[in-house]
Amino acid sequence: MPLVVLVDEGSASASEIFAGAIQDNDRGTIVGR
């Protein structure tokens, strides 16, 4: 499934683990700050 993950300066802890896993595995695109 196509996937875009939104992050900003308020994204912390579990959401960062999720975003990092998606980014490092090239599973989707991370957008925001």
All heavy atoms as atom14 arrays in JSON, in Angstrom:
{
  "sequence": "MPLVVLVDEGSASASEIFAGAIQDNDRGTIVGR",
  "atom14_mask": [
    [1, 1, 1, 1, 1, 1, 1, 1, 0, 0, 0, 0, 0, 0],
    [1, 1, 1, 1, 1, 1, 1, 0, 0, 0, 0, 0, 0, 0],
    [1, 1, 1, 1, 1, 1, 1, 1, 0, 0, 0, 0, 0, 0],
    [1, 1, 1, 1, 1, 1, 1, 0, 0, 0, 0, 0, 0, 0],
    [1, 1, 1, 1, 1, 1, 1, 0, 0, 0, 0, 0, 0, 0],
    [1, 1, 1, 1, 1, 1, 1, 1, 0, 0, 0, 0, 0, 0],
    [1, 1, 1, 1, 1, 1, 1, 0, 0, 0, 0, 0, 0, 0],
    [1, 1, 1, 1, 1, 1, 1, 1, 0, 0, 0, 0, 0, 0],
    [1, 1, 1, 1, 1, 1, 1, 1, 1, 0, 0, 0, 0, 0],
    [1, 1, 1, 1, 0, 0, 0, 0, 0, 0, 0, 0, 0, 0],
    [1, 1, 1, 1, 1, 1, 0, 0, 0, 0, 0, 0, 0, 0],
    [1, 1, 1, 1, 1, 0, 0, 0, 0, 0, 0, 0, 0, 0],
    [1, 1, 1, 1, 1, 1, 0, 0, 0, 0, 0, 0, 0, 0],
    [1, 1, 1, 1, 1, 0, 0, 0, 0, 0, 0, 0, 0, 0],
    [1, 1, 1, 1, 1, 1, 0, 0, 0, 0, 0, 0, 0, 0],
    [1, 1, 1, 1, 1, 1, 1, 1, 1, 0, 0, 0, 0, 0],
    [1, 1, 1, 1, 1, 1, 1, 1, 0, 0, 0, 0, 0, 0],
    [1, 1, 1, 1, 1, 1, 1, 1, 1, 1, 1, 0, 0, 0],
    [1, 1, 1, 1, 1, 0, 0, 0, 0, 0, 0, 0, 0, 0],
    [1, 1, 1, 1, 0, 0, 0, 0, 0, 0, 0, 0, 0, 0],
    [1, 1, 1, 1, 1, 0, 0, 0, 0, 0, 0, 0, 0, 0],
    [1, 1, 1, 1, 1, 1, 1, 1, 0, 0, 0, 0, 0, 0],
    [1, 1, 1, 1, 1, 1, 1, 1, 1, 0, 0, 0, 0, 0],
    [1, 1, 1, 1, 1, 1, 1, 1, 0, 0, 0, 0, 0, 0],
    [1, 1, 1, 1, 1, 1, 1, 1, 0, 0, 0, 0, 0, 0],
    [1, 1, 1, 1, 1, 1, 1, 1, 0, 0, 0, 0, 0, 0],
    [1, 1, 1, 1, 1, 1, 1, 1, 1, 1, 1, 0, 0, 0],
    [1, 1, 1, 1, 0, 0, 0, 0, 0, 0, 0, 0, 0, 0],
    [1, 1, 1, 1, 1, 1, 1, 0, 0, 0, 0, 0, 0, 0],
    [1, 1, 1, 1, 1, 1, 1, 1, 0, 0, 0, 0, 0, 0],
    [1, 1, 1, 1, 1, 1, 1, 0, 0, 0, 0, 0, 0, 0],
    [1, 1, 1, 1, 0, 0, 0, 0, 0, 0, 0, 0, 0, 0],
    [1, 1, 1, 1, 1, 1, 1, 1, 1, 1, 1, 0, 0, 0]
  ],
  "atom14_positions": [
    [[0.83, -1.2, 0.0], [0.0, 0.0, 0.0], [0.87, 1.26, 0.0], [1.8, 1.36, 0.79], [-0.89, 0.01, 1.24], [-1.79, 1.24, 1.35], [-2.81, 1.19, 2.85], [-1.56, 1.44, 4.1], [0.0, 0.0, 0.0], [0.0, 0.0, 0.0], [0.0, 0.0, 0.0], [0.0, 0.0, 0.0], [0.0, 0.0, 0.0], [0.0, 0.0, 0.0]],
    [[0.61, 2.21, -0.89], [1.36, 3.48, -0.88], [1.24, 4.15, 0.5], [0.17, 4.15, 1.11], [0.68, 4.31, -1.96], [0.08, 3.29, -2.88], [-0.37, 2.17, -1.99], [0.0, 0.0, 0.0], [0.0, 0.0, 0.0], [0.0, 0.0, 0.0], [0.0, 0.0, 0.0], [0.0, 0.0, 0.0], [0.0, 0.0, 0.0], [0.0, 0.0, 0.0]],
    [[2.34, 4.72, 0.96], [2.37, 5.24, 2.33], [3.17, 6.52, 2.43], [4.29, 6.62, 1.93], [2.97, 4.18, 3.25], [3.1, 4.51, 4.73], [1.72, 4.65, 5.37], [3.89, 3.42, 5.45], [0.0, 0.0, 0.0], [0.0, 0.0, 0.0], [0.0, 0.0, 0.0], [0.0, 0.0, 0.0], [0.0, 0.0, 0.0], [0.0, 0.0, 0.0]],
    [[2.59, 7.53, 3.06], [3.29, 8.76, 3.4], [3.1, 8.98, 4.9], [1.99, 8.88, 5.41], [2.75, 9.97, 2.63], [3.43, 11.26, 3.09], [2.94, 9.78, 1.13], [0.0, 0.0, 0.0], [0.0, 0.0, 0.0], [0.0, 0.0, 0.0], [0.0, 0.0, 0.0], [0.0, 0.0, 0.0], [0.0, 0.0, 0.0], [0.0, 0.0, 0.0]],
    [[4.19, 9.26, 5.61], [4.15, 9.46, 7.06], [4.41, 10.94, 7.36], [5.37, 11.52, 6.87], [5.21, 8.59, 7.76], [5.16, 8.8, 9.28], [5.0, 7.12, 7.43], [0.0, 0.0, 0.0], [0.0, 0.0, 0.0], [0.0, 0.0, 0.0], [0.0, 0.0, 0.0], [0.0, 0.0, 0.0], [0.0, 0.0, 0.0], [0.0, 0.0, 0.0]],
    [[3.54, 11.53, 8.18], [3.68, 12.93, 8.55], [4.35, 13.05, 9.91], [3.95, 12.39, 10.86], [2.3, 13.61, 8.62], [1.37, 13.42, 7.42], [0.09, 14.21, 7.62], [2.06, 13.82, 6.13], [0.0, 0.0, 0.0], [0.0, 0.0, 0.0], [0.0, 0.0, 0.0], [0.0, 0.0, 0.0], [0.0, 0.0, 0.0], [0.0, 0.0, 0.0]],
    [[5.38, 13.88, 9.99], [6.07, 14.12, 11.25], [6.32, 15.61, 11.44], [6.38, 16.37, 10.48], [7.43, 13.37, 11.34], [7.25, 11.87, 11.27], [8.39, 13.84, 10.25], [0.0, 0.0, 0.0], [0.0, 0.0, 0.0], [0.0, 0.0, 0.0], [0.0, 0.0, 0.0], [0.0, 0.0, 0.0], [0.0, 0.0, 0.0], [0.0, 0.0, 0.0]],
    [[6.45, 16.02, 12.7], [6.91, 17.37, 13.0], [7.61, 17.34, 14.35], [7.86, 16.27, 14.9], [5.77, 18.4, 12.94], [4.7, 18.18, 14.01], [4.95, 17.4, 14.97], [3.63, 18.79, 13.92], [0.0, 0.0, 0.0], [0.0, 0.0, 0.0], [0.0, 0.0, 0.0], [0.0, 0.0, 0.0], [0.0, 0.0, 0.0], [0.0, 0.0, 0.0]],
    [[7.91, 18.53, 14.88], [8.65, 18.62, 16.13], [7.91, 18.02, 17.32], [8.49, 17.81, 18.38], [9.02, 20.08, 16.42], [7.84, 21.03, 16.5], [7.3, 21.45, 15.13], [7.92, 21.11, 14.09], [6.24, 22.11, 15.1], [0.0, 0.0, 0.0], [0.0, 0.0, 0.0], [0.0, 0.0, 0.0], [0.0, 0.0, 0.0], [0.0, 0.0, 0.0]],
    [[6.63, 17.73, 17.17], [5.86, 17.11, 18.25], [5.79, 15.6, 18.14], [5.27, 14.92, 19.02], [0.0, 0.0, 0.0], [0.0, 0.0, 0.0], [0.0, 0.0, 0.0], [0.0, 0.0, 0.0], [0.0, 0.0, 0.0], [0.0, 0.0, 0.0], [0.0, 0.0, 0.0], [0.0, 0.0, 0.0], [0.0, 0.0, 0.0], [0.0, 0.0, 0.0]],
    [[6.33, 15.03, 17.06], [6.32, 13.57, 16.88], [7.44, 12.97, 17.73], [8.6, 13.3, 17.54], [6.54, 13.21, 15.41], [5.57, 13.85, 14.59], [0.0, 0.0, 0.0], [0.0, 0.0, 0.0], [0.0, 0.0, 0.0], [0.0, 0.0, 0.0], [0.0, 0.0, 0.0], [0.0, 0.0, 0.0], [0.0, 0.0, 0.0], [0.0, 0.0, 0.0]],
    [[7.09, 12.08, 18.66], [8.09, 11.56, 19.57], [7.87, 10.09, 19.88], [6.77, 9.56, 19.73], [8.07, 12.36, 20.89], [0.0, 0.0, 0.0], [0.0, 0.0, 0.0], [0.0, 0.0, 0.0], [0.0, 0.0, 0.0], [0.0, 0.0, 0.0], [0.0, 0.0, 0.0], [0.0, 0.0, 0.0], [0.0, 0.0, 0.0], [0.0, 0.0, 0.0]],
    [[8.97, 9.45, 20.27], [8.94, 8.08, 20.8], [8.44, 7.08, 19.76], [9.07, 6.9, 18.73], [8.08, 8.05, 22.08], [8.32, 6.88, 22.81], [0.0, 0.0, 0.0], [0.0, 0.0, 0.0], [0.0, 0.0, 0.0], [0.0, 0.0, 0.0], [0.0, 0.0, 0.0], [0.0, 0.0, 0.0], [0.0, 0.0, 0.0], [0.0, 0.0, 0.0]],
    [[7.3, 6.42, 20.02], [6.82, 5.36, 19.13], [6.63, 5.85, 17.7], [6.91, 5.12, 16.74], [5.52, 4.77, 19.67], [0.0, 0.0, 0.0], [0.0, 0.0, 0.0], [0.0, 0.0, 0.0], [0.0, 0.0, 0.0], [0.0, 0.0, 0.0], [0.0, 0.0, 0.0], [0.0, 0.0, 0.0], [0.0, 0.0, 0.0], [0.0, 0.0, 0.0]],
    [[6.16, 7.09, 17.54], [5.96, 7.61, 16.18], [7.29, 7.78, 15.45], [7.35, 7.65, 14.22], [5.19, 8.94, 16.23], [5.9, 9.91, 16.96], [0.0, 0.0, 0.0], [0.0, 0.0, 0.0], [0.0, 0.0, 0.0], [0.0, 0.0, 0.0], [0.0, 0.0, 0.0], [0.0, 0.0, 0.0], [0.0, 0.0, 0.0], [0.0, 0.0, 0.0]],
    [[8.36, 8.05, 16.19], [9.68, 8.18, 15.57], [10.23, 6.81, 15.19], [10.9, 6.66, 14.17], [10.64, 8.89, 16.52], [10.24, 10.34, 16.77], [11.18, 11.04, 17.72], [11.12, 10.76, 18.93], [11.98, 11.88, 17.27], [0.0, 0.0, 0.0], [0.0, 0.0, 0.0], [0.0, 0.0, 0.0], [0.0, 0.0, 0.0], [0.0, 0.0, 0.0]],
    [[9.96, 5.81, 16.02], [10.36, 4.44, 15.68], [9.68, 4.02, 14.38], [10.3, 3.45, 13.48], [9.99, 3.47, 16.82], [10.86, 3.75, 18.06], [10.13, 2.01, 16.38], [10.45, 2.98, 19.29], [0.0, 0.0, 0.0], [0.0, 0.0, 0.0], [0.0, 0.0, 0.0], [0.0, 0.0, 0.0], [0.0, 0.0, 0.0], [0.0, 0.0, 0.0]],
    [[8.39, 4.32, 14.27], [7.62, 3.98, 13.08], [8.18, 4.7, 11.85], [8.45, 4.08, 10.82], [6.15, 4.35, 13.29], [5.27, 4.03, 12.13], [4.76, 2.76, 11.95], [4.94, 5.0, 11.19], [3.95, 2.45, 10.86], [4.14, 4.72, 10.11], [3.64, 3.43, 9.94], [0.0, 0.0, 0.0], [0.0, 0.0, 0.0], [0.0, 0.0, 0.0]],
    [[8.36, 6.02, 11.96], [8.85, 6.81, 10.83], [10.25, 6.35, 10.41], [10.55, 6.25, 9.21], [8.87, 8.29, 11.19], [0.0, 0.0, 0.0], [0.0, 0.0, 0.0], [0.0, 0.0, 0.0], [0.0, 0.0, 0.0], [0.0, 0.0, 0.0], [0.0, 0.0, 0.0], [0.0, 0.0, 0.0], [0.0, 0.0, 0.0], [0.0, 0.0, 0.0]],
    [[11.11, 6.05, 11.38], [12.46, 5.61, 11.07], [12.47, 4.27, 10.36], [13.25, 4.04, 9.43], [0.0, 0.0, 0.0], [0.0, 0.0, 0.0], [0.0, 0.0, 0.0], [0.0, 0.0, 0.0], [0.0, 0.0, 0.0], [0.0, 0.0, 0.0], [0.0, 0.0, 0.0], [0.0, 0.0, 0.0], [0.0, 0.0, 0.0], [0.0, 0.0, 0.0]],
    [[11.58, 3.37, 10.78], [11.5, 2.05, 10.14], [11.02, 2.17, 8.71], [11.54, 1.52, 7.8], [10.56, 1.14, 10.94], [0.0, 0.0, 0.0], [0.0, 0.0, 0.0], [0.0, 0.0, 0.0], [0.0, 0.0, 0.0], [0.0, 0.0, 0.0], [0.0, 0.0, 0.0], [0.0, 0.0, 0.0], [0.0, 0.0, 0.0], [0.0, 0.0, 0.0]],
    [[10.03, 3.03, 8.47], [9.51, 3.24, 7.12], [10.58, 3.86, 6.23], [10.79, 3.44, 5.08], [8.26, 4.14, 7.16], [7.12, 3.47, 7.94], [7.8, 4.48, 5.74], [6.66, 2.15, 7.39], [0.0, 0.0, 0.0], [0.0, 0.0, 0.0], [0.0, 0.0, 0.0], [0.0, 0.0, 0.0], [0.0, 0.0, 0.0], [0.0, 0.0, 0.0]],
    [[11.28, 4.86, 6.76], [12.3, 5.56, 5.96], [13.49, 4.67, 5.64], [13.92, 4.58, 4.5], [12.76, 6.8, 6.72], [13.66, 7.72, 5.9], [14.0, 8.99, 6.66], [14.48, 8.95, 7.79], [13.72, 10.14, 6.04], [0.0, 0.0, 0.0], [0.0, 0.0, 0.0], [0.0, 0.0, 0.0], [0.0, 0.0, 0.0], [0.0, 0.0, 0.0]],
    [[14.02, 3.99, 6.64], [15.23, 3.18, 6.43], [14.97, 1.96, 5.56], [15.89, 1.47, 4.89], [15.81, 2.74, 7.77], [16.52, 3.88, 8.49], [16.51, 5.0, 7.96], [17.08, 3.64, 9.58], [0.0, 0.0, 0.0], [0.0, 0.0, 0.0], [0.0, 0.0, 0.0], [0.0, 0.0, 0.0], [0.0, 0.0, 0.0], [0.0, 0.0, 0.0]],
    [[13.74, 1.47, 5.56], [13.39, 0.33, 4.7], [12.85, 0.77, 3.35], [12.41, -0.05, 2.54], [12.36, -0.57, 5.4], [12.99, -1.46, 6.45], [13.74, -2.38, 6.13], [12.7, -1.19, 7.73], [0.0, 0.0, 0.0], [0.0, 0.0, 0.0], [0.0, 0.0, 0.0], [0.0, 0.0, 0.0], [0.0, 0.0, 0.0], [0.0, 0.0, 0.0]],
    [[12.85, 2.1, 3.1], [12.35, 2.65, 1.83], [10.93, 2.19, 1.55], [10.55, 1.93, 0.4], [13.27, 2.26, 0.67], [14.67, 2.84, 0.84], [14.79, 4.08, 0.89], [15.63, 2.05, 0.94], [0.0, 0.0, 0.0], [0.0, 0.0, 0.0], [0.0, 0.0, 0.0], [0.0, 0.0, 0.0], [0.0, 0.0, 0.0], [0.0, 0.0, 0.0]],
    [[10.15, 2.11, 2.61], [8.76, 1.62, 2.49], [7.78, 2.73, 2.14], [6.7, 2.49, 1.61], [8.36, 0.94, 3.81], [6.9, 0.52, 3.93], [6.53, -0.49, 2.87], [5.1, -0.82, 2.96], [4.14, -0.1, 2.41], [4.42, 1.02, 1.76], [2.87, -0.48, 2.52], [0.0, 0.0, 0.0], [0.0, 0.0, 0.0], [0.0, 0.0, 0.0]],
    [[8.16, 3.98, 2.44], [7.28, 5.11, 2.17], [8.06, 6.41, 2.25], [9.29, 6.4, 2.42], [0.0, 0.0, 0.0], [0.0, 0.0, 0.0], [0.0, 0.0, 0.0], [0.0, 0.0, 0.0], [0.0, 0.0, 0.0], [0.0, 0.0, 0.0], [0.0, 0.0, 0.0], [0.0, 0.0, 0.0], [0.0, 0.0, 0.0], [0.0, 0.0, 0.0]],
    [[7.37, 7.53, 2.15], [8.0, 8.85, 2.17], [7.62, 9.58, 3.45], [6.46, 9.57, 3.86], [7.56, 9.67, 0.96], [7.98, 9.0, -0.24], [8.17, 11.07, 0.99], [0.0, 0.0, 0.0], [0.0, 0.0, 0.0], [0.0, 0.0, 0.0], [0.0, 0.0, 0.0], [0.0, 0.0, 0.0], [0.0, 0.0, 0.0], [0.0, 0.0, 0.0]],
    [[8.61, 10.21, 4.09], [8.38, 10.96, 5.32], [8.28, 12.45, 4.95], [9.16, 12.99, 4.28], [9.52, 10.75, 6.33], [9.89, 9.26, 6.44], [9.14, 11.32, 7.68], [8.77, 8.36, 6.89], [0.0, 0.0, 0.0], [0.0, 0.0, 0.0], [0.0, 0.0, 0.0], [0.0, 0.0, 0.0], [0.0, 0.0, 0.0], [0.0, 0.0, 0.0]],
    [[7.21, 13.1, 5.41], [6.94, 14.49, 5.05], [6.73, 15.33, 6.31], [6.06, 14.89, 7.24], [5.7, 14.59, 4.14], [5.34, 16.04, 3.86], [5.93, 13.84, 2.84], [0.0, 0.0, 0.0], [0.0, 0.0, 0.0], [0.0, 0.0, 0.0], [0.0, 0.0, 0.0], [0.0, 0.0, 0.0], [0.0, 0.0, 0.0], [0.0, 0.0, 0.0]],
    [[7.28, 16.53, 6.33], [7.03, 17.45, 7.43], [8.28, 18.12, 7.93], [9.07, 18.67, 7.16], [0.0, 0.0, 0.0], [0.0, 0.0, 0.0], [0.0, 0.0, 0.0], [0.0, 0.0, 0.0], [0.0, 0.0, 0.0], [0.0, 0.0, 0.0], [0.0, 0.0, 0.0], [0.0, 0.0, 0.0], [0.0, 0.0, 0.0], [0.0, 0.0, 0.0]],
    [[8.51, 18.06, 9.26], [9.68, 18.68, 9.89], [10.35, 17.68, 10.83], [9.74, 16.69, 11.21], [9.27, 19.94, 10.66], [8.72, 21.03, 9.76], [8.38, 22.3, 10.53], [7.3, 22.14, 11.48], [6.01, 22.18, 11.14], [5.65, 22.34, 9.87], [5.09, 22.04, 12.06], [0.0, 0.0, 0.0], [0.0, 0.0, 0.0], [0.0, 0.0, 0.0]]
  ]
}
